[in-house]
All heavy atoms as atom14 arrays in JSON, in Angstrom:
{
  "sequence": "APRVMNYYWTYFLLPSAVASAGPPPLHDVQACLKTNAFLSGLLM",
  "atom14_mask": [
    [1, 1, 1, 1, 1, 0, 0, 0, 0, 0, 0, 0, 0, 0],
    [1, 1, 1, 1, 1, 1, 1, 0, 0, 0, 0, 0, 0, 0],
    [1, 1, 1, 1, 1, 1, 1, 1, 1, 1, 1, 0, 0, 0],
    [1, 1, 1, 1, 1, 1, 1, 0, 0, 0, 0, 0, 0, 0],
    [1, 1, 1, 1, 1, 1, 1, 1, 0, 0, 0, 0, 0, 0],
    [1, 1, 1, 1, 1, 1, 1, 1, 0, 0, 0, 0, 0, 0],
    [1, 1, 1, 1, 1, 1, 1, 1, 1, 1, 1, 1, 0, 0],
    [1, 1, 1, 1, 1, 1, 1, 1, 1, 1, 1, 1, 0, 0],
    [1, 1, 1, 1, 1, 1, 1, 1, 1, 1, 1, 1, 1, 1],
    [1, 1, 1, 1, 1, 1, 1, 0, 0, 0, 0, 0, 0, 0],
    [1, 1, 1, 1, 1, 1, 1, 1, 1, 1, 1, 1, 0, 0],
    [1, 1, 1, 1, 1, 1, 1, 1, 1, 1, 1, 0, 0, 0],
    [1, 1, 1, 1, 1, 1, 1, 1, 0, 0, 0, 0, 0, 0],
    [1, 1, 1, 1, 1, 1, 1, 1, 0, 0, 0, 0, 0, 0],
    [1, 1, 1, 1, 1, 1, 1, 0, 0, 0, 0, 0, 0, 0],
    [1, 1, 1, 1, 1, 1, 0, 0, 0, 0, 0, 0, 0, 0],
    [1, 1, 1, 1, 1, 0, 0, 0, 0, 0, 0, 0, 0, 0],
    [1, 1, 1, 1, 1, 1, 1, 0, 0, 0, 0, 0, 0, 0],
    [1, 1, 1, 1, 1, 0, 0, 0, 0, 0, 0, 0, 0, 0],
    [1, 1, 1, 1, 1, 1, 0, 0, 0, 0, 0, 0, 0, 0],
    [1, 1, 1, 1, 1, 0, 0, 0, 0, 0, 0, 0, 0, 0],
    [1, 1, 1, 1, 0, 0, 0, 0, 0, 0, 0, 0, 0, 0],
    [1, 1, 1, 1, 1, 1, 1, 0, 0, 0, 0, 0, 0, 0],
    [1, 1, 1, 1, 1, 1, 1, 0, 0, 0, 0, 0, 0, 0],
    [1, 1, 1, 1, 1, 1, 1, 0, 0, 0, 0, 0, 0, 0],
    [1, 1, 1, 1, 1, 1, 1, 1, 0, 0, 0, 0, 0, 0],
    [1, 1, 1, 1, 1, 1, 1, 1, 1, 1, 0, 0, 0, 0],
    [1, 1, 1, 1, 1, 1, 1, 1, 0, 0, 0, 0, 0, 0],
    [1, 1, 1, 1, 1, 1, 1, 0, 0, 0, 0, 0, 0, 0],
    [1, 1, 1, 1, 1, 1, 1, 1, 1, 0, 0, 0, 0, 0],
    [1, 1, 1, 1, 1, 0, 0, 0, 0, 0, 0, 0, 0, 0],
    [1, 1, 1, 1, 1, 1, 0, 0, 0, 0, 0, 0, 0, 0],
    [1, 1, 1, 1, 1, 1, 1, 1, 0, 0, 0, 0, 0, 0],
    [1, 1, 1, 1, 1, 1, 1, 1, 1, 0, 0, 0, 0, 0],
    [1, 1, 1, 1, 1, 1, 1, 0, 0, 0, 0, 0, 0, 0],
    [1, 1, 1, 1, 1, 1, 1, 1, 0, 0, 0, 0, 0, 0],
    [1, 1, 1, 1, 1, 0, 0, 0, 0, 0, 0, 0, 0, 0],
    [1, 1, 1, 1, 1, 1, 1, 1, 1, 1, 1, 0, 0, 0],
    [1, 1, 1, 1, 1, 1, 1, 1, 0, 0, 0, 0, 0, 0],
    [1, 1, 1, 1, 1, 1, 0, 0, 0, 0, 0, 0, 0, 0],
    [1, 1, 1, 1, 0, 0, 0, 0, 0, 0, 0, 0, 0, 0],
    [1, 1, 1, 1, 1, 1, 1, 1, 0, 0, 0, 0, 0, 0],
    [1, 1, 1, 1, 1, 1, 1, 1, 0, 0, 0, 0, 0, 0],
    [1, 1, 1, 1, 1, 1, 1, 1, 0, 0, 0, 0, 0, 0]
  ],
  "atom14_positions": [
    [[34.16, 15.58, -22.5], [33.89, 15.81, -21.08], [33.99, 17.31, -20.79], [34.82, 18.01, -21.37], [34.89, 15.02, -20.24], [0.0, 0.0, 0.0], [0.0, 0.0, 0.0], [0.0, 0.0, 0.0], [0.0, 0.0, 0.0], [0.0, 0.0, 0.0], [0.0, 0.0, 0.0], [0.0, 0.0, 0.0], [0.0, 0.0, 0.0], [0.0, 0.0, 0.0]],
    [[33.14, 17.83, -19.9], [32.19, 17.11, -19.04], [30.78, 17.09, -19.59], [29.82, 17.03, -18.81], [32.26, 17.92, -17.75], [32.43, 19.34, -18.24], [33.28, 19.25, -19.49], [0.0, 0.0, 0.0], [0.0, 0.0, 0.0], [0.0, 0.0, 0.0], [0.0, 0.0, 0.0], [0.0, 0.0, 0.0], [0.0, 0.0, 0.0], [0.0, 0.0, 0.0]],
    [[30.61, 17.15, -20.92], [29.26, 17.15, -21.47], [28.55, 15.83, -21.18], [29.16, 14.76, -21.14], [29.31, 17.38, -22.97], [29.83, 18.76, -23.38], [29.69, 18.95, -24.88], [30.27, 20.22, -25.32], [30.28, 20.65, -26.57], [29.74, 19.88, -27.52], [30.83, 21.79, -26.89], [0.0, 0.0, 0.0], [0.0, 0.0, 0.0], [0.0, 0.0, 0.0]],
    [[27.24, 15.93, -21.01], [26.42, 14.75, -20.72], [25.97, 14.1, -22.04], [25.7, 14.79, -23.02], [25.19, 15.15, -19.88], [24.19, 14.01, -19.78], [25.63, 15.58, -18.49], [0.0, 0.0, 0.0], [0.0, 0.0, 0.0], [0.0, 0.0, 0.0], [0.0, 0.0, 0.0], [0.0, 0.0, 0.0], [0.0, 0.0, 0.0], [0.0, 0.0, 0.0]],
    [[25.91, 12.77, -22.05], [25.33, 12.04, -23.18], [23.89, 11.68, -22.84], [23.63, 11.0, -21.86], [26.13, 10.76, -23.47], [27.45, 11.0, -24.15], [28.11, 9.49, -24.86], [26.9, 9.16, -26.15], [0.0, 0.0, 0.0], [0.0, 0.0, 0.0], [0.0, 0.0, 0.0], [0.0, 0.0, 0.0], [0.0, 0.0, 0.0], [0.0, 0.0, 0.0]],
    [[22.96, 12.16, -23.66], [21.55, 11.93, -23.37], [20.97, 10.71, -24.08], [19.89, 10.24, -23.73], [20.74, 13.17, -23.74], [21.07, 14.34, -22.85], [21.15, 14.19, -21.65], [21.28, 15.51, -23.44], [0.0, 0.0, 0.0], [0.0, 0.0, 0.0], [0.0, 0.0, 0.0], [0.0, 0.0, 0.0], [0.0, 0.0, 0.0], [0.0, 0.0, 0.0]],
    [[21.65, 10.2, -25.09], [21.09, 9.08, -25.85], [22.22, 8.29, -26.51], [23.39, 8.67, -26.41], [20.08, 9.57, -26.89], [20.57, 10.71, -27.76], [21.35, 10.47, -28.88], [20.26, 12.03, -27.44], [21.8, 11.51, -29.67], [20.7, 13.09, -28.22], [21.48, 12.81, -29.34], [21.92, 13.85, -30.12], [0.0, 0.0, 0.0], [0.0, 0.0, 0.0]],
    [[21.83, 7.2, -27.17], [22.75, 6.29, -27.86], [23.58, 5.42, -26.92], [24.53, 4.79, -27.35], [23.7, 7.04, -28.8], [23.08, 7.58, -30.07], [23.78, 8.43, -30.9], [21.78, 7.24, -30.43], [23.23, 8.93, -32.08], [21.21, 7.74, -31.59], [21.93, 8.59, -32.41], [21.37, 9.08, -33.55], [0.0, 0.0, 0.0], [0.0, 0.0, 0.0]],
    [[23.26, 5.41, -25.63], [24.06, 4.59, -24.72], [23.28, 3.44, -24.09], [23.89, 2.58, -23.44], [24.68, 5.45, -23.61], [23.73, 6.36, -22.88], [23.53, 7.69, -23.1], [22.88, 6.03, -21.77], [22.6, 8.21, -22.24], [22.19, 7.2, -21.4], [22.63, 4.86, -21.06], [21.27, 7.24, -20.36], [21.71, 4.9, -20.02], [21.04, 6.07, -19.69]],
    [[21.98, 3.39, -24.28], [21.16, 2.36, -23.61], [21.62, 0.96, -23.99], [21.72, 0.07, -23.11], [19.68, 2.54, -23.99], [19.32, 3.9, -23.84], [18.8, 1.68, -23.1], [0.0, 0.0, 0.0], [0.0, 0.0, 0.0], [0.0, 0.0, 0.0], [0.0, 0.0, 0.0], [0.0, 0.0, 0.0], [0.0, 0.0, 0.0], [0.0, 0.0, 0.0]],
    [[21.92, 0.73, -25.25], [22.35, -0.59, -25.72], [23.58, -1.08, -24.95], [23.73, -2.29, -24.72], [22.66, -0.52, -27.22], [23.5, -1.65, -27.73], [22.93, -2.85, -28.15], [24.9, -1.54, -27.79], [23.72, -3.9, -28.61], [25.69, -2.58, -28.26], [25.1, -3.75, -28.66], [25.89, -4.79, -29.11], [0.0, 0.0, 0.0], [0.0, 0.0, 0.0]],
    [[24.46, -0.19, -24.54], [25.74, -0.57, -23.97], [25.67, -0.87, -22.47], [26.7, -1.22, -21.87], [26.76, 0.55, -24.2], [27.05, 0.8, -25.65], [26.46, 1.88, -26.3], [27.86, -0.04, -26.38], [26.71, 2.13, -27.64], [28.12, 0.2, -27.73], [27.54, 1.28, -28.35], [0.0, 0.0, 0.0], [0.0, 0.0, 0.0], [0.0, 0.0, 0.0]],
    [[24.51, -0.76, -21.85], [24.44, -0.99, -20.4], [24.81, -2.42, -20.03], [25.51, -2.64, -19.03], [23.03, -0.65, -19.9], [22.73, 0.84, -19.75], [21.25, 1.07, -19.47], [23.57, 1.45, -18.64], [0.0, 0.0, 0.0], [0.0, 0.0, 0.0], [0.0, 0.0, 0.0], [0.0, 0.0, 0.0], [0.0, 0.0, 0.0], [0.0, 0.0, 0.0]],
    [[24.36, -3.4, -20.81], [24.67, -4.79, -20.46], [26.17, -5.08, -20.54], [26.76, -5.53, -19.56], [23.89, -5.76, -21.34], [24.18, -7.25, -21.09], [23.78, -7.66, -19.68], [23.49, -8.12, -22.12], [0.0, 0.0, 0.0], [0.0, 0.0, 0.0], [0.0, 0.0, 0.0], [0.0, 0.0, 0.0], [0.0, 0.0, 0.0], [0.0, 0.0, 0.0]],
    [[26.85, -4.84, -21.68], [28.28, -5.15, -21.71], [29.09, -4.32, -20.72], [30.07, -4.83, -20.14], [28.69, -4.85, -23.16], [27.6, -4.0, -23.71], [26.36, -4.4, -22.99], [0.0, 0.0, 0.0], [0.0, 0.0, 0.0], [0.0, 0.0, 0.0], [0.0, 0.0, 0.0], [0.0, 0.0, 0.0], [0.0, 0.0, 0.0], [0.0, 0.0, 0.0]],
    [[28.69, -3.09, -20.47], [29.45, -2.27, -19.52], [29.25, -2.77, -18.09], [30.21, -2.82, -17.3], [29.03, -0.8, -19.62], [27.67, -0.62, -19.25], [0.0, 0.0, 0.0], [0.0, 0.0, 0.0], [0.0, 0.0, 0.0], [0.0, 0.0, 0.0], [0.0, 0.0, 0.0], [0.0, 0.0, 0.0], [0.0, 0.0, 0.0], [0.0, 0.0, 0.0]],
    [[28.01, -3.16, -17.74], [27.76, -3.69, -16.39], [28.48, -5.01, -16.17], [29.05, -5.25, -15.09], [26.25, -3.86, -16.17], [0.0, 0.0, 0.0], [0.0, 0.0, 0.0], [0.0, 0.0, 0.0], [0.0, 0.0, 0.0], [0.0, 0.0, 0.0], [0.0, 0.0, 0.0], [0.0, 0.0, 0.0], [0.0, 0.0, 0.0], [0.0, 0.0, 0.0]],
    [[28.49, -5.87, -17.18], [29.18, -7.16, -17.06], [30.68, -6.94, -16.91], [31.34, -7.57, -16.07], [28.88, -8.04, -18.28], [29.76, -9.3, -18.26], [27.41, -8.44, -18.29], [0.0, 0.0, 0.0], [0.0, 0.0, 0.0], [0.0, 0.0, 0.0], [0.0, 0.0, 0.0], [0.0, 0.0, 0.0], [0.0, 0.0, 0.0], [0.0, 0.0, 0.0]],
    [[31.24, -6.03, -17.72], [32.68, -5.78, -17.67], [33.1, -5.15, -16.34], [34.23, -5.37, -15.88], [33.1, -4.89, -18.83], [0.0, 0.0, 0.0], [0.0, 0.0, 0.0], [0.0, 0.0, 0.0], [0.0, 0.0, 0.0], [0.0, 0.0, 0.0], [0.0, 0.0, 0.0], [0.0, 0.0, 0.0], [0.0, 0.0, 0.0], [0.0, 0.0, 0.0]],
    [[32.22, -4.39, -15.73], [32.58, -3.69, -14.5], [32.24, -4.49, -13.24], [33.01, -4.49, -12.27], [31.87, -2.33, -14.43], [32.33, -1.48, -15.44], [0.0, 0.0, 0.0], [0.0, 0.0, 0.0], [0.0, 0.0, 0.0], [0.0, 0.0, 0.0], [0.0, 0.0, 0.0], [0.0, 0.0, 0.0], [0.0, 0.0, 0.0], [0.0, 0.0, 0.0]],
    [[31.07, -5.14, -13.24], [30.61, -5.82, -12.03], [30.58, -7.33, -12.15], [30.27, -8.02, -11.18], [29.21, -5.32, -11.67], [0.0, 0.0, 0.0], [0.0, 0.0, 0.0], [0.0, 0.0, 0.0], [0.0, 0.0, 0.0], [0.0, 0.0, 0.0], [0.0, 0.0, 0.0], [0.0, 0.0, 0.0], [0.0, 0.0, 0.0], [0.0, 0.0, 0.0]],
    [[30.9, -7.87, -13.32], [30.88, -9.31, -13.52], [32.11, -9.98, -12.94], [33.0, -9.32, -12.38], [0.0, 0.0, 0.0], [0.0, 0.0, 0.0], [0.0, 0.0, 0.0], [0.0, 0.0, 0.0], [0.0, 0.0, 0.0], [0.0, 0.0, 0.0], [0.0, 0.0, 0.0], [0.0, 0.0, 0.0], [0.0, 0.0, 0.0], [0.0, 0.0, 0.0]],
    [[32.22, -11.28, -13.08], [33.4, -12.0, -12.59], [34.65, -11.57, -13.33], [34.58, -11.08, -14.46], [33.05, -13.47, -12.87], [31.98, -13.44, -13.9], [31.23, -12.18, -13.7], [0.0, 0.0, 0.0], [0.0, 0.0, 0.0], [0.0, 0.0, 0.0], [0.0, 0.0, 0.0], [0.0, 0.0, 0.0], [0.0, 0.0, 0.0], [0.0, 0.0, 0.0]],
    [[35.83, -11.72, -12.71], [37.1, -11.22, -13.31], [37.35, -11.64, -14.74], [37.86, -10.81, -15.52], [38.16, -11.79, -12.35], [37.46, -11.89, -11.04], [36.05, -12.28, -11.36], [0.0, 0.0, 0.0], [0.0, 0.0, 0.0], [0.0, 0.0, 0.0], [0.0, 0.0, 0.0], [0.0, 0.0, 0.0], [0.0, 0.0, 0.0], [0.0, 0.0, 0.0]],
    [[37.01, -12.87, -15.17], [37.29, -13.21, -16.58], [36.57, -12.32, -17.58], [36.96, -12.27, -18.75], [36.81, -14.67, -16.69], [36.88, -15.2, -15.3], [36.51, -14.03, -14.43], [0.0, 0.0, 0.0], [0.0, 0.0, 0.0], [0.0, 0.0, 0.0], [0.0, 0.0, 0.0], [0.0, 0.0, 0.0], [0.0, 0.0, 0.0], [0.0, 0.0, 0.0]],
    [[35.53, -11.61, -17.15], [34.73, -10.8, -18.06], [35.07, -9.31, -17.99], [34.33, -8.49, -18.52], [33.24, -10.99, -17.75], [32.67, -12.37, -18.08], [31.26, -12.5, -17.55], [32.68, -12.61, -19.58], [0.0, 0.0, 0.0], [0.0, 0.0, 0.0], [0.0, 0.0, 0.0], [0.0, 0.0, 0.0], [0.0, 0.0, 0.0], [0.0, 0.0, 0.0]],
    [[36.19, -8.96, -17.37], [36.5, -7.55, -17.18], [37.12, -6.89, -18.41], [37.45, -5.7, -18.36], [37.43, -7.38, -15.97], [36.72, -7.56, -14.67], [37.34, -7.46, -13.44], [35.41, -7.84, -14.39], [36.47, -7.67, -12.47], [35.28, -7.91, -13.03], [0.0, 0.0, 0.0], [0.0, 0.0, 0.0], [0.0, 0.0, 0.0], [0.0, 0.0, 0.0]],
    [[37.27, -7.63, -19.49], [37.74, -7.05, -20.75], [36.53, -6.47, -21.48], [35.74, -7.21, -22.08], [38.43, -8.11, -21.6], [39.02, -7.55, -22.89], [38.67, -6.42, -23.26], [39.8, -8.25, -23.55], [0.0, 0.0, 0.0], [0.0, 0.0, 0.0], [0.0, 0.0, 0.0], [0.0, 0.0, 0.0], [0.0, 0.0, 0.0], [0.0, 0.0, 0.0]],
    [[36.38, -5.16, -21.43], [35.18, -4.53, -21.98], [35.09, -4.72, -23.49], [33.99, -4.86, -24.05], [35.14, -3.03, -21.6], [36.25, -2.26, -22.29], [33.78, -2.43, -21.94], [0.0, 0.0, 0.0], [0.0, 0.0, 0.0], [0.0, 0.0, 0.0], [0.0, 0.0, 0.0], [0.0, 0.0, 0.0], [0.0, 0.0, 0.0], [0.0, 0.0, 0.0]],
    [[36.23, -4.77, -24.18], [36.18, -4.95, -25.63], [35.69, -6.34, -26.0], [34.95, -6.5, -26.98], [37.55, -4.69, -26.24], [37.98, -3.23, -26.15], [39.15, -2.91, -27.06], [39.74, -3.78, -27.68], [39.47, -1.63, -27.16], [0.0, 0.0, 0.0], [0.0, 0.0, 0.0], [0.0, 0.0, 0.0], [0.0, 0.0, 0.0], [0.0, 0.0, 0.0]],
    [[36.07, -7.35, -25.24], [35.58, -8.7, -25.5], [34.06, -8.76, -25.29], [33.34, -9.4, -26.07], [36.28, -9.7, -24.58], [0.0, 0.0, 0.0], [0.0, 0.0, 0.0], [0.0, 0.0, 0.0], [0.0, 0.0, 0.0], [0.0, 0.0, 0.0], [0.0, 0.0, 0.0], [0.0, 0.0, 0.0], [0.0, 0.0, 0.0], [0.0, 0.0, 0.0]],
    [[33.57, -8.1, -24.26], [32.13, -8.06, -24.0], [31.4, -7.35, -25.15], [30.34, -7.81, -25.59], [31.84, -7.36, -22.68], [32.42, -8.23, -21.21], [0.0, 0.0, 0.0], [0.0, 0.0, 0.0], [0.0, 0.0, 0.0], [0.0, 0.0, 0.0], [0.0, 0.0, 0.0], [0.0, 0.0, 0.0], [0.0, 0.0, 0.0], [0.0, 0.0, 0.0]],
    [[31.97, -6.26, -25.63], [31.34, -5.51, -26.71], [31.27, -6.34, -27.99], [30.24, -6.34, -28.69], [32.11, -4.22, -26.97], [31.96, -3.1, -25.93], [32.97, -2.0, -26.21], [30.55, -2.55, -25.92], [0.0, 0.0, 0.0], [0.0, 0.0, 0.0], [0.0, 0.0, 0.0], [0.0, 0.0, 0.0], [0.0, 0.0, 0.0], [0.0, 0.0, 0.0]],
    [[32.34, -7.04, -28.32], [32.35, -7.83, -29.54], [31.33, -8.96, -29.48], [30.57, -9.18, -30.44], [33.76, -8.4, -29.79], [34.76, -7.36, -30.24], [36.08, -8.0, -30.65], [36.88, -8.47, -29.46], [38.22, -8.95, -29.86], [0.0, 0.0, 0.0], [0.0, 0.0, 0.0], [0.0, 0.0, 0.0], [0.0, 0.0, 0.0], [0.0, 0.0, 0.0]],
    [[31.3, -9.68, -28.38], [30.36, -10.79, -28.25], [28.93, -10.3, -28.26], [28.05, -10.89, -28.89], [30.65, -11.59, -26.96], [32.04, -11.88, -26.88], [29.85, -12.88, -26.94], [0.0, 0.0, 0.0], [0.0, 0.0, 0.0], [0.0, 0.0, 0.0], [0.0, 0.0, 0.0], [0.0, 0.0, 0.0], [0.0, 0.0, 0.0], [0.0, 0.0, 0.0]],
    [[28.68, -9.19, -27.58], [27.33, -8.63, -27.51], [26.85, -8.2, -28.9], [25.7, -8.45, -29.27], [27.32, -7.43, -26.56], [25.95, -7.14, -26.01], [25.53, -7.73, -25.02], [25.22, -6.23, -26.63], [0.0, 0.0, 0.0], [0.0, 0.0, 0.0], [0.0, 0.0, 0.0], [0.0, 0.0, 0.0], [0.0, 0.0, 0.0], [0.0, 0.0, 0.0]],
    [[27.72, -7.57, -29.67], [27.34, -7.12, -31.01], [27.03, -8.3, -31.92], [26.08, -8.26, -32.71], [28.47, -6.28, -31.61], [0.0, 0.0, 0.0], [0.0, 0.0, 0.0], [0.0, 0.0, 0.0], [0.0, 0.0, 0.0], [0.0, 0.0, 0.0], [0.0, 0.0, 0.0], [0.0, 0.0, 0.0], [0.0, 0.0, 0.0], [0.0, 0.0, 0.0]],
    [[27.81, -9.35, -31.83], [27.59, -10.55, -32.65], [26.23, -11.17, -32.34], [25.44, -11.46, -33.24], [28.72, -11.54, -32.41], [28.45, -12.91, -32.95], [28.2, -13.11, -34.3], [28.46, -14.01, -32.12], [27.95, -14.38, -34.81], [28.22, -15.29, -32.6], [27.96, -15.47, -33.96], [0.0, 0.0, 0.0], [0.0, 0.0, 0.0], [0.0, 0.0, 0.0]],
    [[25.93, -11.36, -31.07], [24.67, -11.99, -30.69], [23.48, -11.11, -31.02], [22.44, -11.6, -31.47], [24.7, -12.32, -29.19], [25.8, -13.31, -28.77], [25.86, -13.43, -27.25], [25.57, -14.67, -29.4], [0.0, 0.0, 0.0], [0.0, 0.0, 0.0], [0.0, 0.0, 0.0], [0.0, 0.0, 0.0], [0.0, 0.0, 0.0], [0.0, 0.0, 0.0]],
    [[23.62, -9.8, -30.86], [22.54, -8.89, -31.22], [22.31, -8.87, -32.73], [21.17, -8.72, -33.19], [22.86, -7.47, -30.72], [22.95, -7.44, -29.31], [0.0, 0.0, 0.0], [0.0, 0.0, 0.0], [0.0, 0.0, 0.0], [0.0, 0.0, 0.0], [0.0, 0.0, 0.0], [0.0, 0.0, 0.0], [0.0, 0.0, 0.0], [0.0, 0.0, 0.0]],
    [[23.39, -9.04, -33.5], [23.25, -9.11, -34.95], [22.41, -10.3, -35.39], [21.63, -10.21, -36.35], [0.0, 0.0, 0.0], [0.0, 0.0, 0.0], [0.0, 0.0, 0.0], [0.0, 0.0, 0.0], [0.0, 0.0, 0.0], [0.0, 0.0, 0.0], [0.0, 0.0, 0.0], [0.0, 0.0, 0.0], [0.0, 0.0, 0.0], [0.0, 0.0, 0.0]],
    [[22.55, -11.42, -34.71], [21.73, -12.59, -35.02], [20.26, -12.29, -34.81], [19.41, -12.65, -35.65], [22.15, -13.77, -34.14], [23.5, -14.41, -34.45], [23.9, -15.37, -33.32], [23.46, -15.17, -35.78], [0.0, 0.0, 0.0], [0.0, 0.0, 0.0], [0.0, 0.0, 0.0], [0.0, 0.0, 0.0], [0.0, 0.0, 0.0], [0.0, 0.0, 0.0]],
    [[19.92, -11.61, -33.73], [18.52, -11.28, -33.46], [17.99, -10.3, -34.51], [16.84, -10.4, -34.93], [18.38, -10.68, -32.06], [18.53, -11.65, -30.89], [18.46, -10.9, -29.56], [17.47, -12.73, -30.94], [0.0, 0.0, 0.0], [0.0, 0.0, 0.0], [0.0, 0.0, 0.0], [0.0, 0.0, 0.0], [0.0, 0.0, 0.0], [0.0, 0.0, 0.0]],
    [[18.82, -9.36, -34.92], [18.37, -8.38, -35.9], [18.04, -9.05, -37.23], [16.97, -8.81, -37.82], [19.44, -7.31, -36.1], [19.02, -6.17, -37.03], [19.35, -6.53, -38.77], [18.63, -5.1, -39.53], [0.0, 0.0, 0.0], [0.0, 0.0, 0.0], [0.0, 0.0, 0.0], [0.0, 0.0, 0.0], [0.0, 0.0, 0.0], [0.0, 0.0, 0.0]]
  ]
}
């Protein structure tokens, strides 16, 4: 900080938005990241 990140963050928008604006049970950002990575791995 305070440098700006210009790339490598697009993938993380979904888990970060869910952890911040989702229902309270989903506010654990690490749990969202783990589940998101697992499901994305299946698609890959």
